[in-house]
C-alpha cells in the first residue's frame, strides 16, 4: 500500500513539473 502512495506522489510530481514547464514556455512566447 505504501508503495502505491509513493508511486502516486511521484507521478503527481512529474505531472506538476510538466505543467510548470508548459506554463514557463507559454509565458516565454507571450
PDB file of N, CA and C in Angstrom:
ATOM      1  N   UNK A   1       0.854  -1.202   0.000  1.00  0.00           N
ATOM      2  CA  UNK A   1       0.000   0.000   0.000  1.00  0.00           C
ATOM      3  C   UNK A   1       0.892   1.255   0.000  1.00  0.00           C
ATOM      4  N   UNK A   2       1.942   1.243   0.823  1.00  0.00           N
ATOM      5  CA  UNK A   2       2.828   2.419   0.879  1.00  0.00           C
ATOM      6  C   UNK A   2       3.502   2.656  -0.467  1.00  0.00           C
ATOM      7  N   UNK A   3       3.835   1.568  -1.162  1.00  0.00           N
ATOM      8  CA  UNK A   3       4.488   1.717  -2.473  1.00  0.00           C
ATOM      9  C   UNK A   3       3.540   2.428  -3.440  1.00  0.00           C
ATOM     10  N   UNK A   4       2.269   2.084  -3.391  1.00  0.00           N
ATOM     11  CA  UNK A   4       1.305   2.714  -4.295  1.00  0.00           C
ATOM     12  C   UNK A   4       1.223   4.212  -4.013  1.00  0.00           C
ATOM     13  N   UNK A   5       1.233   4.578  -2.732  1.00  0.00           N
ATOM     14  CA  UNK A   5       1.157   6.001  -2.372  1.00  0.00           C
ATOM     15  C   UNK A   5       2.393   6.724  -2.910  1.00  0.00           C
ATOM     16  N   UNK A   6       3.553   6.108  -2.739  1.00  0.00           N
ATOM     17  CA  UNK A   6       4.785   6.727  -3.253  1.00  0.00           C
ATOM     18  C   UNK A   6       4.700   6.897  -4.759  1.00  0.00           C
ATOM     19  N   UNK A   7       4.165   5.896  -5.437  1.00  0.00           N
ATOM     20  CA  UNK A   7       4.035   5.982  -6.900  1.00  0.00           C
ATOM     21  C   UNK A   7       3.119   7.137  -7.272  1.00  0.00           C
ATOM     22  N   UNK A   8       1.997   7.263  -6.563  1.00  0.00           N
ATOM     23  CA  UNK A   8       1.050   8.344  -6.865  1.00  0.00           C
ATOM     24  C   UNK A   8       1.712   9.698  -6.659  1.00  0.00           C
ATOM     25  N   UNK A   9       2.425   9.848  -5.558  1.00  0.00           N
ATOM     26  CA  UNK A   9       3.111  11.122  -5.279  1.00  0.00           C
ATOM     27  C   UNK A   9       4.140  11.396  -6.369  1.00  0.00           C
ATOM     28  N   UNK A  10       4.867  10.364  -6.779  1.00  0.00           N
ATOM     29  CA  UNK A  10       5.908  10.521  -7.799  1.00  0.00           C
ATOM     30  C   UNK A  10       5.294  10.974  -9.127  1.00  0.00           C
ATOM     31  N   UNK A  11       4.233  10.287  -9.550  1.00  0.00           N
ATOM     32  CA  UNK A  11       3.606  10.648 -10.826  1.00  0.00           C
ATOM     33  C   UNK A  11       2.975  12.037 -10.719  1.00  0.00           C
ATOM     34  N   UNK A  12       2.401  12.357  -9.554  1.00  0.00           N
ATOM     35  CA  UNK A  12       1.794  13.679  -9.356  1.00  0.00           C
ATOM     36  C   UNK A  12       2.859  14.759  -9.499  1.00  0.00           C
ATOM     37  N   UNK A  13       4.031  14.525  -8.907  1.00  0.00           N
ATOM     38  CA  UNK A  13       5.134  15.486  -9.009  1.00  0.00           C
ATOM     39  C   UNK A  13       5.570  15.633 -10.462  1.00  0.00           C
ATOM     40  N   UNK A  14       5.615  14.515 -11.195  1.00  0.00           N
ATOM     41  CA  UNK A  14       6.009  14.585 -12.612  1.00  0.00           C
ATOM     42  C   UNK A  14       5.012  15.431 -13.394  1.00  0.00           C
ATOM     43  N   UNK A  15       3.726  15.225 -13.126  1.00  0.00           N
ATOM     44  CA  UNK A  15       2.694  15.996 -13.835  1.00  0.00           C
ATOM     45  C   UNK A  15       2.850  17.478 -13.525  1.00  0.00           C
ATOM     46  N   UNK A  16       3.103  17.789 -12.252  1.00  0.00           N
ATOM     47  CA  UNK A  16       3.272  19.196 -11.871  1.00  0.00           C
ATOM     48  C   UNK A  16       4.486  19.787 -12.576  1.00  0.00           C
ATOM     49  N   UNK A  17       5.566  19.037 -12.641  1.00  0.00           N
ATOM     50  CA  UNK A  17       6.775  19.530 -13.312  1.00  0.00           C
ATOM     51  C   UNK A  17       6.483  19.808 -14.779  1.00  0.00           C
ATOM     52  N   UNK A  18       5.805  18.881 -15.438  1.00  0.00           N
ATOM     53  CA  UNK A  18       5.485  19.074 -16.864  1.00  0.00           C
ATOM     54  C   UNK A  18       4.603  20.299 -17.039  1.00  0.00           C
ATOM     55  N   UNK A  19       3.609  20.443 -16.161  1.00  0.00           N
ATOM     56  CA  UNK A  19       2.700  21.578 -16.265  1.00  0.00           C
ATOM     57  C   UNK A  19       3.467  22.888 -16.067  1.00  0.00           C
ATOM     58  N   UNK A  20       4.381  22.900 -15.103  1.00  0.00           N
ATOM     59  CA  UNK A  20       5.184  24.100 -14.864  1.00  0.00           C
ATOM     60  C   UNK A  20       6.016  24.425 -16.102  1.00  0.00           C
ATOM     61  N   UNK A  21       6.608  23.412 -16.716  1.00  0.00           N
ATOM     62  CA  UNK A  21       7.421  23.643 -17.909  1.00  0.00           C
ATOM     63  C   UNK A  21       6.560  24.231 -19.028  1.00  0.00           C
ATOM     64  N   UNK A  22       5.334  23.724 -19.179  1.00  0.00           N
ATOM     65  CA  UNK A  22       4.439  24.229 -20.223  1.00  0.00           C
ATOM     66  C   UNK A  22       4.085  25.685 -19.936  1.00  0.00           C
ATOM     67  N   UNK A  23       3.788  25.983 -18.662  1.00  0.00           N
ATOM     68  CA  UNK A  23       3.441  27.356 -18.297  1.00  0.00           C
ATOM     69  C   UNK A  23       4.616  28.288 -18.568  1.00  0.00           C
ATOM     70  N   UNK A  24       5.819  27.850 -18.222  1.00  0.00           N
ATOM     71  CA  UNK A  24       7.011  28.685 -18.433  1.00  0.00           C
ATOM     72  C   UNK A  24       7.234  28.918 -19.928  1.00  0.00           C
ATOM     73  N   UNK A  25       7.132  27.877 -20.728  1.00  0.00           N
ATOM     74  CA  UNK A  25       7.362  28.021 -22.169  1.00  0.00           C
ATOM     75  C   UNK A  25       6.274  28.909 -22.783  1.00  0.00           C
ATOM     76  N   UNK A  26       5.033  28.783 -22.309  1.00  0.00           N
ATOM     77  CA  UNK A  26       3.959  29.634 -22.823  1.00  0.00           C
ATOM     78  C   UNK A  26       4.227  31.082 -22.462  1.00  0.00           C
ATOM     79  N   UNK A  27       4.693  31.324 -21.237  1.00  0.00           N
ATOM     80  CA  UNK A  27       4.980  32.690 -20.793  1.00  0.00           C
ATOM     81  C   UNK A  27       6.083  33.296 -21.665  1.00  0.00           C
ATOM     82  N   UNK A  28       7.042  32.486 -22.053  1.00  0.00           N
ATOM     83  CA  UNK A  28       8.148  32.994 -22.884  1.00  0.00           C
ATOM     84  C   UNK A  28       7.622  33.439 -24.246  1.00  0.00           C
ATOM     85  N   UNK A  29       6.700  32.682 -24.818  1.00  0.00           N
ATOM     86  CA  UNK A  29       6.204  33.013 -26.153  1.00  0.00           C
ATOM     87  C   UNK A  29       5.334  34.272 -26.119  1.00  0.00           C
ATOM     88  N   UNK A  30       4.630  34.494 -25.014  1.00  0.00           N
ATOM     89  CA  UNK A  30       3.707  35.641 -24.933  1.00  0.00           C
ATOM     90  C   UNK A  30       4.354  36.879 -24.382  1.00  0.00           C
TER      91      UNK A  30
END
